[in-house]
Structures are given as structure tokens and as C-alpha cells.
Amino acid sequence: MAAESANRYSNEEALRLQFAADRIALAVESARLGELERLRRGSLSFLVEASDLLAAPSTATRPWPSWPR
């Protein structure tokens, strides 16, 4: 799009530019929200796994084998 004069666009050109800017902003916001959702799911997966490990009954009373005395 060429400006008719310096820093001046027709109403139609301005509307097209605004429409394009709105579409780009929507795509950027959608990508940002998608990334936040991905991070949230990763955090929740970690918490679920940690919770399962902490809730599981311990199979050993010591972290090392018993040594003969």
C-alpha cells in the first residue's frame, strides 16, 4: 500500500491495515495462550507424578541395605 502523501493512507487502506493488525494480534495472542497452556500442563504433570511417588508406600525403611554387624 502506498501512501497518497507522507504518512497518509486512504480510509480503505487504513481499514485494511487495521484488519491485518487485528488478525496478527489475534494469532499472537492465541500462540501466547497456547504456550501458557503447554507450560501449565507440564507443571500439572510434574505435580501428579510427584504426588503419586510421595503417596506410594515405601518398600524400604532405609535408603541403603542393612550391613551385617
N, C-alpha and C. Protein backbone atom coordinates (compact mmCIF):
# COMPACT_ATOMS: atom_id res chain seq x y z
N MET A 1 0.84 -1.17 0.00
CA MET A 1 0.00 0.00 0.00
C MET A 1 0.88 1.23 0.00
N ALA A 2 0.57 2.12 -0.86
CA ALA A 2 1.35 3.35 -0.95
C ALA A 2 0.55 4.49 -0.35
N ALA A 3 1.22 5.31 0.41
CA ALA A 3 0.55 6.48 0.99
C ALA A 3 0.35 7.52 -0.10
N GLU A 4 -0.82 8.16 -0.08
CA GLU A 4 -1.07 9.21 -1.06
C GLU A 4 -0.12 10.37 -0.85
N SER A 5 0.14 10.70 0.39
CA SER A 5 1.15 11.69 0.74
C SER A 5 1.85 11.16 1.98
N ALA A 6 2.86 11.84 2.43
CA ALA A 6 3.65 11.36 3.56
C ALA A 6 2.75 11.08 4.77
N ASN A 7 2.83 9.85 5.30
CA ASN A 7 2.10 9.42 6.49
C ASN A 7 0.58 9.54 6.34
N ARG A 8 0.06 9.35 5.16
CA ARG A 8 -1.38 9.45 4.98
C ARG A 8 -1.87 8.28 4.13
N TYR A 9 -2.87 7.60 4.62
CA TYR A 9 -3.48 6.49 3.91
C TYR A 9 -4.96 6.81 3.70
N SER A 10 -5.51 6.22 2.66
CA SER A 10 -6.95 6.39 2.44
C SER A 10 -7.69 5.61 3.52
N ASN A 11 -8.98 5.90 3.67
CA ASN A 11 -9.78 5.18 4.66
C ASN A 11 -9.79 3.68 4.38
N GLU A 12 -9.89 3.32 3.12
CA GLU A 12 -9.90 1.90 2.75
C GLU A 12 -8.57 1.24 3.12
N GLU A 13 -7.47 1.92 2.84
CA GLU A 13 -6.15 1.37 3.19
C GLU A 13 -5.99 1.26 4.71
N ALA A 14 -6.46 2.28 5.41
CA ALA A 14 -6.37 2.26 6.87
C ALA A 14 -7.20 1.10 7.44
N LEU A 15 -8.38 0.87 6.89
CA LEU A 15 -9.21 -0.25 7.34
C LEU A 15 -8.55 -1.59 7.06
N ARG A 16 -7.94 -1.72 5.90
CA ARG A 16 -7.23 -2.96 5.57
C ARG A 16 -6.06 -3.19 6.52
N LEU A 17 -5.30 -2.14 6.79
CA LEU A 17 -4.18 -2.25 7.72
C LEU A 17 -4.66 -2.60 9.12
N GLN A 18 -5.74 -1.98 9.56
CA GLN A 18 -6.28 -2.28 10.88
C GLN A 18 -6.76 -3.72 10.95
N PHE A 19 -7.42 -4.18 9.89
CA PHE A 19 -7.90 -5.56 9.84
C PHE A 19 -6.72 -6.53 9.92
N ALA A 20 -5.66 -6.25 9.16
CA ALA A 20 -4.47 -7.11 9.19
C ALA A 20 -3.83 -7.10 10.57
N ALA A 21 -3.73 -5.92 11.18
CA ALA A 21 -3.14 -5.81 12.52
C ALA A 21 -3.97 -6.58 13.54
N ASP A 22 -5.28 -6.51 13.43
CA ASP A 22 -6.16 -7.25 14.34
C ASP A 22 -5.98 -8.75 14.19
N ARG A 23 -5.87 -9.22 12.96
CA ARG A 23 -5.67 -10.66 12.71
C ARG A 23 -4.32 -11.11 13.26
N ILE A 24 -3.28 -10.31 13.06
CA ILE A 24 -1.95 -10.66 13.58
C ILE A 24 -1.97 -10.68 15.09
N ALA A 25 -2.61 -9.69 15.71
CA ALA A 25 -2.69 -9.66 17.18
C ALA A 25 -3.43 -10.88 17.70
N LEU A 26 -4.47 -11.30 17.03
CA LEU A 26 -5.22 -12.48 17.43
C LEU A 26 -4.35 -13.73 17.35
N ALA A 27 -3.57 -13.86 16.29
CA ALA A 27 -2.68 -15.01 16.13
C ALA A 27 -1.60 -15.02 17.20
N VAL A 28 -1.04 -13.86 17.50
CA VAL A 28 -0.01 -13.77 18.53
C VAL A 28 -0.59 -14.12 19.90
N GLU A 29 -1.75 -13.62 20.21
CA GLU A 29 -2.40 -13.91 21.49
C GLU A 29 -2.74 -15.40 21.59
N SER A 30 -3.21 -15.98 20.52
CA SER A 30 -3.52 -17.40 20.51
C SER A 30 -2.26 -18.23 20.76
N ALA A 31 -1.15 -17.86 20.14
CA ALA A 31 0.11 -18.57 20.36
C ALA A 31 0.58 -18.41 21.80
N ARG A 32 0.43 -17.22 22.35
CA ARG A 32 0.83 -16.97 23.74
C ARG A 32 0.01 -17.82 24.71
N LEU A 33 -1.30 -17.87 24.49
CA LEU A 33 -2.16 -18.67 25.35
C LEU A 33 -1.87 -20.17 25.20
N GLY A 34 -1.57 -20.59 23.99
CA GLY A 34 -1.20 -21.99 23.76
C GLY A 34 0.06 -22.37 24.51
N GLU A 35 1.04 -21.48 24.51
CA GLU A 35 2.28 -21.73 25.25
C GLU A 35 2.03 -21.77 26.75
N LEU A 36 1.20 -20.87 27.26
CA LEU A 36 0.85 -20.90 28.68
C LEU A 36 0.16 -22.20 29.05
N GLU A 37 -0.73 -22.66 28.20
CA GLU A 37 -1.44 -23.92 28.44
C GLU A 37 -0.45 -25.09 28.44
N ARG A 38 0.49 -25.09 27.53
CA ARG A 38 1.50 -26.15 27.48
C ARG A 38 2.32 -26.17 28.76
N LEU A 39 2.73 -25.00 29.22
CA LEU A 39 3.50 -24.91 30.46
C LEU A 39 2.67 -25.36 31.67
N ARG A 40 1.40 -24.98 31.70
CA ARG A 40 0.52 -25.37 32.79
C ARG A 40 0.35 -26.87 32.84
N ARG A 41 0.16 -27.48 31.68
CA ARG A 41 0.01 -28.94 31.64
C ARG A 41 1.29 -29.64 32.10
N GLY A 42 2.43 -29.10 31.73
CA GLY A 42 3.69 -29.67 32.18
C GLY A 42 3.84 -29.59 33.68
N SER A 43 3.45 -28.46 34.26
CA SER A 43 3.51 -28.30 35.72
C SER A 43 2.56 -29.27 36.41
N LEU A 44 1.36 -29.41 35.87
CA LEU A 44 0.40 -30.33 36.47
C LEU A 44 0.88 -31.77 36.37
N SER A 45 1.48 -32.13 35.24
CA SER A 45 2.00 -33.50 35.09
C SER A 45 3.08 -33.78 36.12
N PHE A 46 3.95 -32.80 36.34
CA PHE A 46 5.00 -32.95 37.35
C PHE A 46 4.38 -33.13 38.73
N LEU A 47 3.39 -32.32 39.07
CA LEU A 47 2.76 -32.41 40.39
C LEU A 47 2.06 -33.75 40.58
N VAL A 48 1.40 -34.24 39.55
CA VAL A 48 0.73 -35.54 39.65
C VAL A 48 1.75 -36.65 39.87
N GLU A 49 2.83 -36.61 39.12
CA GLU A 49 3.85 -37.64 39.28
C GLU A 49 4.50 -37.57 40.66
N ALA A 50 4.82 -36.37 41.13
CA ALA A 50 5.41 -36.22 42.46
C ALA A 50 4.44 -36.69 43.53
N SER A 51 3.17 -36.37 43.39
CA SER A 51 2.17 -36.79 44.35
C SER A 51 2.06 -38.31 44.40
N ASP A 52 2.07 -38.93 43.23
CA ASP A 52 1.99 -40.39 43.18
C ASP A 52 3.21 -41.02 43.87
N LEU A 53 4.38 -40.47 43.64
CA LEU A 53 5.59 -41.00 44.26
C LEU A 53 5.55 -40.82 45.78
N LEU A 54 5.09 -39.69 46.23
CA LEU A 54 5.05 -39.44 47.67
C LEU A 54 3.95 -40.26 48.36
N ALA A 55 2.89 -40.57 47.67
CA ALA A 55 1.78 -41.32 48.25
C ALA A 55 2.03 -42.83 48.25
N ALA A 56 2.96 -43.29 47.42
CA ALA A 56 3.23 -44.73 47.32
C ALA A 56 3.86 -45.23 48.61
N PRO A 57 3.49 -46.43 49.02
CA PRO A 57 4.11 -46.98 50.23
C PRO A 57 5.59 -47.24 49.99
N SER A 58 6.36 -46.99 51.00
CA SER A 58 7.80 -47.19 50.91
C SER A 58 8.10 -48.68 51.01
N THR A 59 9.00 -49.17 50.16
CA THR A 59 9.36 -50.58 50.20
C THR A 59 10.59 -50.83 51.07
N ALA A 60 11.26 -49.80 51.46
CA ALA A 60 12.44 -49.94 52.31
C ALA A 60 12.36 -48.93 53.44
N THR A 61 12.88 -49.33 54.58
CA THR A 61 12.89 -48.40 55.70
C THR A 61 14.16 -47.57 55.71
N ARG A 62 15.16 -48.02 54.98
CA ARG A 62 16.43 -47.29 54.88
C ARG A 62 16.79 -47.09 53.42
N PRO A 63 17.51 -46.04 53.13
CA PRO A 63 17.89 -45.83 51.74
C PRO A 63 19.05 -46.73 51.30
N TRP A 64 19.64 -47.52 52.22
CA TRP A 64 20.74 -48.42 51.89
C TRP A 64 20.47 -49.80 52.50
N PRO A 65 21.11 -50.81 51.98
CA PRO A 65 20.88 -52.16 52.53
C PRO A 65 21.45 -52.28 53.95
N SER A 66 20.90 -53.22 54.71
CA SER A 66 21.41 -53.47 56.06
C SER A 66 22.75 -54.20 55.95
N TRP A 67 23.71 -53.71 56.68
CA TRP A 67 25.03 -54.34 56.69
C TRP A 67 25.12 -55.24 57.91
N PRO A 68 25.76 -56.41 57.73
CA PRO A 68 25.92 -57.28 58.89
C PRO A 68 26.78 -56.63 59.95
N ARG A 69 26.44 -56.88 61.22
CA ARG A 69 27.22 -56.27 62.31
C ARG A 69 28.15 -57.25 62.93
